[in-house]
Amino acid sequence: MSSPEGTCAAGAEVPPEETAGTPTRRLLGVPRQRKRTEPTGDDMTTALADTARADTGTLAFVESPVQLLNVLEWAHTRAGGDQPAALTVVVLAPHDPMTRGQLRRMVELARDEGHTVRWEEARGGTTAPLRTIGGLTPLLRRAGRIVLGDPFSRYVQLLLGLTRARDLVVVDDGTATMEFIGQLARGERLVRWHRHGSGRSPRDLVFAPFAAAARRRLTPGPEGARRRRTVALFSSMPVQVPEGMAVTANDFAWTRGRFGPPRLTRTADIVGTSLVETGVVDTDRYLAAVADLARAHGATRYFAHRRERAGKLHRLATETGLEVVRPDLPLELIARRGPVGRLVLSFPSTVVHTLPLALRGTGVQVAVCDIDPAWLTAHASPRAQGFLDDVTGTAQDVRRLPGVVAALPRKPEVPPPACGGVPPVCEGEPDRT
């Protein structure tokens, strides 16, 4: 059974605008998103019939805008850059309003490319998972290839257990791909890099058999095995894959062909991260680093991460004077569309790997500011510093800014607040650093 928001096939209805969780007052320095009038289309029965007719045997699961972007890049590359290979994309919609907004825009682009898109309210109540899985089972049974963007997702791990597909393709979910490949190669259970400690909750223990089965499915089968399964990676990240896994480089050819080249401004832009929201970096130190970067490099705009909280952005705009921009598409597309600064400043994140590819030939320089260990919170995972250093150290065609970090003052350690600090990202909703 389809979700309440229906199926987004060709000519069908796309998800409505969000209302829950939208602030009633405009933030200082944060432009209000434009309201969009969504097209209307056929009823749910007709849309489901269109989905069945459009099914080509390739089924993609996405939970974030960047995953859908990379699915579009994969389809473009697989078709040789001529006519994109048609596929059915299933959006397992998260709760976060900003993520949903960007996903709506990406759905429009996917439909423009000729793909069938099915929007599922996979987290819309206690019965939503059963509804979603029941509605997707026929597609899962028919699919010969599964494309997925978040191998850490419990939803995706569960759905993998329901498909007979022998061909699996993993596309980038930001820097989390680097951690996924490392854990797969070491035979470890799949755990997001920013999760603190090694303990397992009762929920983890209940789900452990499904997670273990998914990890086995994502491990390439041995050569010569009967009905051998194949696992491929489509990535712009610097990774060393396990033996038997094929790798195709994502150079953002579709993005460069679809958008731009951008108009360049004379000022610099800063790219935000969700390191505060995931409990990795202290809020005060992060804001101090942003202010220091803005002063040192003449930055005027701050492109907010879709998971950054409104309160933090209000404080950032007030204390730094930066114009805070809430992008309605992944930053790779926003920057390519322009206007964009001649210098783009970032902390360790996905964009230090993807923006140089998306902006190739435009003259834009990308610079990265390292994370000082003193910025980490007491709640940060023991793996956090090493992972962030690896993200920065493996980036190509970027400028390093270690001097900025050394110049920042270090404040004394303070006890965590009584509320227990910043809550972690909700399990099941993908995070992009």
Protein backbone atom coordinates (compact mmCIF):
# COMPACT_ATOMS: atom_id res chain seq x y z
CA MET A 1 0.00 0.00 0.00
CA SER A 2 1.33 3.38 -0.92
CA SER A 3 1.97 6.16 1.57
CA PRO A 4 -0.55 8.93 2.31
CA GLU A 5 1.34 11.37 0.09
CA GLY A 6 1.05 8.98 -2.81
CA THR A 7 3.30 8.01 -5.66
CA CYS A 8 5.24 10.55 -7.69
CA ALA A 9 5.20 9.06 -11.15
CA ALA A 10 5.28 11.03 -14.37
CA GLY A 11 2.57 13.64 -14.09
CA ALA A 12 1.61 12.56 -10.59
CA GLU A 13 1.48 14.63 -7.46
CA VAL A 14 4.62 15.46 -5.50
CA PRO A 15 4.71 15.77 -1.70
CA PRO A 16 3.03 18.87 -0.26
CA GLU A 17 4.78 21.72 1.45
CA GLU A 18 5.70 21.19 5.11
CA THR A 19 3.81 22.98 7.83
CA ALA A 20 4.82 21.19 11.03
CA GLY A 21 7.99 22.47 12.61
CA THR A 22 8.16 25.63 10.49
CA PRO A 23 9.10 28.67 12.60
CA THR A 24 6.46 31.37 12.75
CA ARG A 25 8.95 34.23 12.78
CA ARG A 26 11.71 34.91 10.33
CA LEU A 27 15.24 34.55 11.65
CA LEU A 28 17.61 37.49 11.52
CA GLY A 29 19.80 37.00 8.47
CA VAL A 30 18.00 33.82 7.36
CA PRO A 31 16.01 34.35 4.14
CA ARG A 32 12.55 32.81 4.08
CA GLN A 33 12.15 29.93 1.63
CA ARG A 34 9.92 30.64 -1.32
CA LYS A 35 6.61 28.83 -1.35
CA ARG A 36 6.13 26.62 -4.36
CA THR A 37 2.88 25.58 -5.94
CA GLU A 38 3.09 21.86 -6.51
CA PRO A 39 1.63 20.40 -9.71
CA THR A 40 -1.45 18.24 -9.44
CA GLY A 41 -1.89 14.96 -11.25
CA ASP A 42 -3.73 11.68 -11.44
CA ASP A 43 -5.11 9.79 -8.49
CA MET A 44 -3.13 7.22 -6.51
CA THR A 45 -4.40 4.22 -8.49
CA THR A 46 -3.25 5.66 -11.81
CA ALA A 47 0.09 6.69 -10.31
CA LEU A 48 0.71 3.16 -9.00
CA ALA A 49 -0.09 1.75 -12.40
CA ASP A 50 2.40 4.16 -13.98
CA THR A 51 5.03 3.01 -11.48
CA ALA A 52 4.49 -0.64 -12.41
CA ARG A 53 4.73 0.11 -16.14
CA ALA A 54 7.87 2.23 -15.66
CA ASP A 55 9.67 -0.42 -13.60
CA THR A 56 12.87 -1.42 -15.38
CA GLY A 57 14.25 -3.80 -12.79
CA THR A 58 16.43 -1.14 -11.11
CA LEU A 59 15.16 0.15 -7.78
CA ALA A 60 16.86 2.93 -5.81
CA PHE A 61 16.29 3.83 -2.14
CA VAL A 62 17.18 7.32 -0.93
CA GLU A 63 16.62 9.18 2.36
CA SER A 64 18.45 12.46 1.75
CA PRO A 65 18.88 15.01 -1.05
CA VAL A 66 22.55 14.17 -1.64
CA GLN A 67 21.73 10.49 -1.99
CA LEU A 68 19.18 11.31 -4.68
CA LEU A 69 21.70 13.61 -6.39
CA ASN A 70 24.23 10.78 -6.51
CA VAL A 71 21.61 8.35 -7.84
CA LEU A 72 21.03 10.81 -10.71
CA GLU A 73 24.79 11.00 -11.29
CA TRP A 74 24.99 7.17 -11.30
CA ALA A 75 22.17 6.86 -13.84
CA HIS A 76 23.84 9.47 -16.05
CA THR A 77 27.22 7.70 -15.91
CA ARG A 78 25.70 4.25 -16.48
CA ALA A 79 24.01 5.50 -19.64
CA GLY A 80 27.28 6.93 -20.93
CA GLY A 81 26.10 10.50 -20.54
CA ASP A 82 23.65 10.25 -23.45
CA GLN A 83 20.16 9.26 -22.32
CA PRO A 84 20.04 8.54 -18.57
CA ALA A 85 19.12 4.97 -17.65
CA ALA A 86 15.53 4.94 -16.37
CA LEU A 87 14.95 3.63 -12.88
CA THR A 88 12.40 3.71 -10.07
CA VAL A 89 13.46 5.84 -7.08
CA VAL A 90 11.82 5.25 -3.70
CA VAL A 91 12.13 8.19 -1.28
CA LEU A 92 11.95 7.00 2.33
CA ALA A 93 10.96 10.40 3.66
CA PRO A 94 12.54 11.61 6.92
CA HIS A 95 10.88 13.90 9.47
CA ASP A 96 13.23 16.90 9.20
CA PRO A 97 11.42 19.75 7.35
CA MET A 98 14.55 21.15 5.66
CA THR A 99 15.55 17.71 4.38
CA ARG A 100 12.06 17.11 3.07
CA GLY A 101 12.10 20.47 1.29
CA GLN A 102 15.35 19.69 -0.50
CA LEU A 103 14.08 16.22 -1.36
CA ARG A 104 11.00 17.72 -2.99
CA ARG A 105 13.20 19.82 -5.26
CA MET A 106 15.39 16.84 -6.09
CA VAL A 107 12.26 14.80 -6.92
CA GLU A 108 11.37 17.44 -9.52
CA LEU A 109 14.81 17.10 -11.11
CA ALA A 110 14.59 13.30 -11.09
CA ARG A 111 11.22 13.42 -12.85
CA ASP A 112 12.66 15.85 -15.40
CA GLU A 113 15.29 13.21 -16.18
CA GLY A 114 12.58 10.65 -16.92
CA HIS A 115 12.79 8.62 -13.71
CA THR A 116 9.82 7.32 -11.77
CA VAL A 117 9.74 8.55 -8.17
CA ARG A 118 7.72 7.02 -5.38
CA TRP A 119 7.44 9.05 -2.15
CA GLU A 120 6.90 6.96 0.96
CA GLU A 121 5.96 8.36 4.37
CA ALA A 122 8.08 5.61 5.87
CA ARG A 123 8.21 7.25 9.31
CA GLY A 124 4.67 8.63 9.44
CA GLY A 125 3.42 6.76 12.52
CA THR A 126 3.54 3.37 14.17
CA THR A 127 1.94 1.55 11.21
CA ALA A 128 3.97 3.37 8.55
CA PRO A 129 6.81 0.80 8.37
CA LEU A 130 4.37 -2.08 7.79
CA ARG A 131 2.50 -0.05 5.15
CA THR A 132 5.71 0.92 3.43
CA ILE A 133 7.25 -2.54 3.41
CA GLY A 134 3.99 -4.11 2.24
CA GLY A 135 3.68 -1.65 -0.63
CA LEU A 136 7.31 -2.08 -1.71
CA THR A 137 7.48 -5.88 -1.56
CA PRO A 138 6.30 -6.43 -5.18
CA LEU A 139 8.92 -3.98 -6.48
CA LEU A 140 11.60 -5.59 -4.32
CA ARG A 141 10.74 -9.03 -5.67
CA ARG A 142 10.94 -7.89 -9.30
CA ALA A 143 14.07 -5.76 -9.04
CA GLY A 144 17.25 -7.18 -10.50
CA ARG A 145 19.40 -4.34 -9.18
CA ILE A 146 19.16 -2.32 -5.97
CA VAL A 147 20.80 1.11 -5.67
CA LEU A 148 21.07 2.50 -2.15
CA GLY A 149 22.47 5.61 -0.57
CA ASP A 150 22.66 4.80 3.13
CA PRO A 151 23.87 1.32 4.09
CA PHE A 152 23.72 2.37 7.78
CA SER A 153 19.94 2.93 7.57
CA ARG A 154 17.91 0.33 9.44
CA TYR A 155 15.14 0.80 6.92
CA VAL A 156 17.44 -0.02 4.02
CA GLN A 157 19.00 -2.95 5.88
CA LEU A 158 15.52 -4.39 6.47
CA LEU A 159 14.49 -3.94 2.84
CA LEU A 160 17.65 -5.65 1.63
CA GLY A 161 16.43 -8.79 3.34
CA LEU A 162 13.30 -8.80 1.16
CA THR A 163 14.89 -8.58 -2.28
CA ARG A 164 16.25 -11.31 -4.54
CA ALA A 165 18.40 -8.82 -6.46
CA ARG A 166 21.94 -10.06 -7.06
CA ASP A 167 23.34 -6.68 -8.13
CA LEU A 168 23.77 -4.04 -5.44
CA VAL A 169 25.12 -0.52 -5.98
CA VAL A 170 26.03 1.83 -3.13
CA VAL A 171 26.16 5.53 -3.99
CA ASP A 172 27.68 8.20 -1.78
CA ASP A 173 25.97 9.42 1.36
CA GLY A 174 28.65 12.00 1.97
CA THR A 175 31.71 11.20 4.05
CA ALA A 176 29.80 8.37 5.75
CA THR A 177 30.75 6.29 2.69
CA MET A 178 34.37 6.32 3.84
CA GLU A 179 33.41 4.85 7.21
CA PHE A 180 31.10 2.28 5.59
CA ILE A 181 33.83 0.93 3.33
CA GLY A 182 36.32 0.80 6.20
CA GLN A 183 33.94 -1.13 8.43
CA LEU A 184 33.00 -3.49 5.60
CA ALA A 185 36.64 -4.24 4.85
CA ARG A 186 37.36 -4.93 8.54
CA GLY A 187 34.27 -7.09 8.96
CA GLU A 188 32.82 -4.79 11.62
CA ARG A 189 29.17 -4.09 12.30
CA LEU A 190 27.89 -0.98 10.56
CA VAL A 191 27.84 1.97 12.99
CA ARG A 192 27.76 5.68 12.12
CA TRP A 193 31.08 7.34 12.88
CA HIS A 194 29.71 10.01 15.24
CA ARG A 195 27.91 7.59 17.58
CA HIS A 196 29.53 7.65 21.00
CA GLY A 197 31.03 4.55 22.56
CA SER A 198 30.63 0.90 21.65
CA GLY A 199 27.57 0.03 23.77
CA ARG A 200 24.48 -1.40 22.14
CA SER A 201 20.97 -0.39 23.09
CA PRO A 202 18.12 -2.91 23.44
CA ARG A 203 16.90 -1.71 20.05
CA ASP A 204 20.34 -2.41 18.55
CA LEU A 205 20.29 -5.93 19.96
CA VAL A 206 16.83 -6.66 18.57
CA PHE A 207 17.83 -5.41 15.13
CA ALA A 208 21.28 -7.07 15.17
CA PRO A 209 20.30 -10.13 13.04
CA PHE A 210 18.90 -7.89 10.28
CA ALA A 211 21.99 -5.64 10.37
CA ALA A 212 24.30 -8.67 10.15
CA ALA A 213 22.33 -10.05 7.21
CA ALA A 214 22.54 -6.70 5.42
CA ARG A 215 26.30 -6.53 5.97
CA ARG A 216 26.64 -10.00 4.41
CA ARG A 217 24.54 -8.88 1.44
CA LEU A 218 26.78 -5.84 1.01
CA THR A 219 29.94 -7.98 1.00
CA PRO A 220 30.89 -9.12 -2.52
CA GLY A 221 30.53 -12.85 -3.13
CA PRO A 222 33.60 -14.94 -4.00
CA GLU A 223 34.64 -15.45 -7.62
CA GLY A 224 33.11 -18.54 -9.20
CA ALA A 225 30.38 -18.86 -6.59
CA ARG A 226 27.03 -20.19 -7.75
CA ARG A 227 24.59 -17.30 -8.27
CA ARG A 228 27.31 -14.88 -7.25
CA ARG A 229 26.11 -11.50 -6.02
CA THR A 230 27.90 -8.34 -7.13
CA VAL A 231 28.40 -5.21 -5.07
CA ALA A 232 29.56 -1.97 -6.69
CA LEU A 233 30.39 1.48 -5.34
CA PHE A 234 29.73 4.77 -7.12
CA SER A 235 31.72 7.38 -5.23
CA SER A 236 33.66 10.63 -5.27
CA MET A 237 35.27 9.70 -1.94
CA PRO A 238 38.86 8.38 -1.62
CA VAL A 239 38.29 4.79 -0.51
CA GLN A 240 40.04 1.42 -0.66
CA VAL A 241 37.29 -1.11 -1.30
CA PRO A 242 37.29 -4.79 -0.29
CA GLU A 243 38.38 -7.36 -2.84
CA GLY A 244 35.69 -8.10 -5.39
CA MET A 245 33.91 -4.74 -5.14
CA ALA A 246 33.83 -2.70 -8.35
CA VAL A 247 34.27 1.09 -8.12
CA THR A 248 33.08 3.78 -10.51
CA ALA A 249 34.25 7.35 -9.94
CA ASN A 250 31.59 10.03 -9.55
CA ASP A 251 32.93 13.19 -11.19
CA PHE A 252 29.60 15.07 -11.14
CA ALA A 253 29.30 15.07 -14.92
CA TRP A 254 25.50 15.36 -14.75
CA THR A 255 25.70 18.36 -12.40
CA ARG A 256 28.21 20.16 -14.61
CA GLY A 257 26.16 19.50 -17.72
CA ARG A 258 22.85 20.50 -16.13
CA PHE A 259 23.87 23.69 -14.28
CA GLY A 260 26.19 26.64 -14.75
CA PRO A 261 28.83 27.77 -15.15
CA PRO A 262 28.16 30.08 -12.21
CA ARG A 263 28.74 33.79 -11.86
CA LEU A 264 31.55 34.41 -9.35
CA THR A 265 31.36 37.07 -6.65
CA ARG A 266 34.33 38.96 -5.23
CA THR A 267 33.73 37.75 -1.68
CA ALA A 268 34.10 34.39 0.04
CA ASP A 269 31.38 31.98 1.15
CA ILE A 270 31.38 29.68 4.21
CA VAL A 271 29.77 26.24 4.17
CA GLY A 272 28.12 25.13 7.39
CA THR A 273 28.21 21.68 8.96
CA SER A 274 26.06 19.70 11.42
CA LEU A 275 29.00 18.87 13.71
CA VAL A 276 27.34 20.81 16.55
CA GLU A 277 23.97 19.13 16.03
CA THR A 278 25.53 15.65 16.09
CA GLY A 279 27.24 16.45 19.40
CA VAL A 280 30.79 16.36 18.01
CA VAL A 281 31.86 20.03 18.26
CA ASP A 282 31.19 22.61 20.98
CA THR A 283 28.79 25.36 19.89
CA ASP A 284 30.79 28.34 21.18
CA ARG A 285 34.02 27.17 19.58
CA TYR A 286 32.30 26.49 16.29
CA LEU A 287 30.79 29.97 16.19
CA ALA A 288 34.16 31.50 17.11
CA ALA A 289 35.82 29.63 14.26
CA VAL A 290 33.16 30.81 11.79
CA ALA A 291 33.62 34.41 12.93
CA ASP A 292 37.41 34.12 12.60
CA LEU A 293 37.15 32.70 9.09
CA ALA A 294 34.75 35.44 8.03
CA ARG A 295 37.08 38.18 9.28
CA ALA A 296 40.24 36.63 7.84
CA HIS A 297 38.84 35.96 4.35
CA GLY A 298 36.14 38.58 3.87
CA ALA A 299 33.25 36.11 3.81
CA THR A 300 29.75 37.53 3.57
CA ARG A 301 27.48 34.45 3.26
CA TYR A 302 27.02 31.29 5.28
CA PHE A 303 25.37 28.34 3.53
CA ALA A 304 23.61 26.46 6.32
CA HIS A 305 23.61 22.68 6.54
CA ARG A 306 20.06 21.36 6.28
CA ARG A 307 20.26 19.95 9.84
CA GLU A 308 21.54 23.10 11.55
CA ARG A 309 19.16 24.39 14.21
CA ALA A 310 17.37 27.71 13.88
CA GLY A 311 18.60 28.98 17.26
CA LYS A 312 22.24 28.41 16.37
CA LEU A 313 21.81 30.11 12.98
CA HIS A 314 20.11 33.11 14.57
CA ARG A 315 23.03 33.48 16.97
CA LEU A 316 25.55 33.03 14.14
CA ALA A 317 23.93 35.74 12.03
CA THR A 318 23.82 38.12 15.01
CA GLU A 319 27.40 37.55 16.18
CA THR A 320 29.17 37.36 12.81
CA GLY A 321 27.08 39.60 10.55
CA LEU A 322 27.02 36.86 7.91
CA GLU A 323 24.01 36.43 5.67
CA VAL A 324 22.68 32.95 6.48
CA VAL A 325 21.30 31.14 3.45
CA ARG A 326 19.13 28.02 3.65
CA PRO A 327 19.78 26.19 0.34
CA ASP A 328 16.81 24.44 -1.23
CA LEU A 329 19.07 22.00 -3.11
CA PRO A 330 22.34 20.20 -2.29
CA LEU A 331 25.23 22.64 -2.21
CA GLU A 332 26.88 21.10 -5.28
CA LEU A 333 23.91 22.25 -7.35
CA ILE A 334 23.55 25.61 -5.58
CA ALA A 335 27.23 26.43 -6.16
CA ARG A 336 27.15 25.26 -9.77
CA ARG A 337 24.04 27.34 -10.44
CA GLY A 338 25.63 30.38 -8.76
CA PRO A 339 26.37 33.03 -7.87
CA VAL A 340 29.19 31.68 -5.71
CA GLY A 341 32.26 33.19 -4.07
CA ARG A 342 35.68 32.84 -5.65
CA LEU A 343 36.73 31.23 -2.36
CA VAL A 344 34.54 28.67 -0.57
CA LEU A 345 35.53 27.91 3.03
CA SER A 346 34.49 24.71 4.77
CA PHE A 347 35.18 22.58 7.80
CA PRO A 348 35.84 18.84 7.27
CA SER A 349 32.77 17.65 5.37
CA THR A 350 31.60 16.06 2.17
CA VAL A 351 31.87 19.26 0.15
CA VAL A 352 35.68 19.39 0.38
CA HIS A 353 35.59 16.31 -1.88
CA THR A 354 32.59 17.12 -4.07
CA LEU A 355 32.76 20.87 -4.71
CA PRO A 356 36.13 20.76 -6.53
CA LEU A 357 34.55 18.23 -8.91
CA ALA A 358 31.26 20.07 -9.38
CA LEU A 359 33.06 23.43 -9.85
CA ARG A 360 35.84 22.13 -12.09
CA GLY A 361 36.95 24.77 -14.58
CA THR A 362 35.12 27.67 -12.92
CA GLY A 363 38.06 29.23 -11.06
CA VAL A 364 36.49 28.70 -7.62
CA GLN A 365 38.96 27.67 -4.90
CA VAL A 366 37.83 25.46 -2.01
CA ALA A 367 39.61 25.76 1.35
CA VAL A 368 39.18 23.61 4.46
CA CYS A 369 39.70 24.58 8.09
CA ASP A 370 40.80 21.71 10.33
CA ILE A 371 38.96 20.87 13.54
CA ASP A 372 41.09 21.56 16.62
CA PRO A 373 40.84 18.70 19.16
CA ALA A 374 39.94 21.29 21.83
CA TRP A 375 36.67 21.94 20.01
CA LEU A 376 35.36 18.41 20.57
CA THR A 377 32.70 17.86 23.21
CA ALA A 378 32.81 15.29 25.97
CA HIS A 379 30.09 13.44 24.07
CA ALA A 380 32.10 13.08 20.85
CA SER A 381 32.90 9.57 19.67
CA PRO A 382 36.51 8.47 20.32
CA ARG A 383 36.77 8.03 16.55
CA ALA A 384 35.68 11.58 15.74
CA GLN A 385 39.06 13.35 15.55
CA GLY A 386 40.70 10.64 13.45
CA PHE A 387 37.76 10.49 11.08
CA LEU A 388 37.64 14.27 10.60
CA ASP A 389 41.40 14.41 10.03
CA ASP A 390 41.04 11.69 7.40
CA VAL A 391 38.25 13.59 5.64
CA THR A 392 40.48 16.65 5.36
CA GLY A 393 43.75 14.85 4.64
CA THR A 394 42.38 12.88 1.71
CA ALA A 395 40.70 15.83 -0.04
CA GLN A 396 42.12 16.73 -3.44
CA ASP A 397 42.44 20.21 -4.95
CA VAL A 398 41.65 22.04 -1.72
CA ARG A 399 43.60 24.59 0.28
CA ARG A 400 44.39 23.76 3.92
CA LEU A 401 43.99 26.41 6.63
CA PRO A 402 45.79 25.07 9.72
CA GLY A 403 46.95 28.53 10.77
CA VAL A 404 43.38 29.68 11.40
CA VAL A 405 42.86 26.89 13.90
CA ALA A 406 46.10 27.57 15.79
CA ALA A 407 45.12 31.23 16.23
CA LEU A 408 41.80 30.47 17.89
CA PRO A 409 41.65 30.86 21.69
CA ARG A 410 40.91 27.77 23.71
CA LYS A 411 38.40 28.10 26.49
CA PRO A 412 38.55 25.96 29.65
CA GLU A 413 36.51 22.80 29.82
CA VAL A 414 33.08 23.17 31.41
CA PRO A 415 30.75 20.45 32.68
CA PRO A 416 28.06 19.34 30.22
CA PRO A 417 24.61 20.90 30.72
CA ALA A 418 22.07 19.15 32.88
CA CYS A 419 20.07 18.11 29.83
CA GLY A 420 22.93 15.82 28.79
CA GLY A 421 24.26 17.91 25.96
CA VAL A 422 23.29 17.94 22.31
CA PRO A 423 21.08 14.98 21.40
CA PRO A 424 22.36 12.64 18.69
CA VAL A 425 20.86 12.54 15.23
CA CYS A 426 17.71 10.41 15.17
CA GLU A 427 18.50 6.84 14.17
CA GLY A 428 17.22 6.01 10.74
CA GLU A 429 17.48 9.52 9.36
CA PRO A 430 20.69 9.98 7.36
CA ASP A 431 23.22 12.56 8.34
CA ARG A 432 25.71 14.31 6.15
CA THR A 433 28.58 16.02 7.90
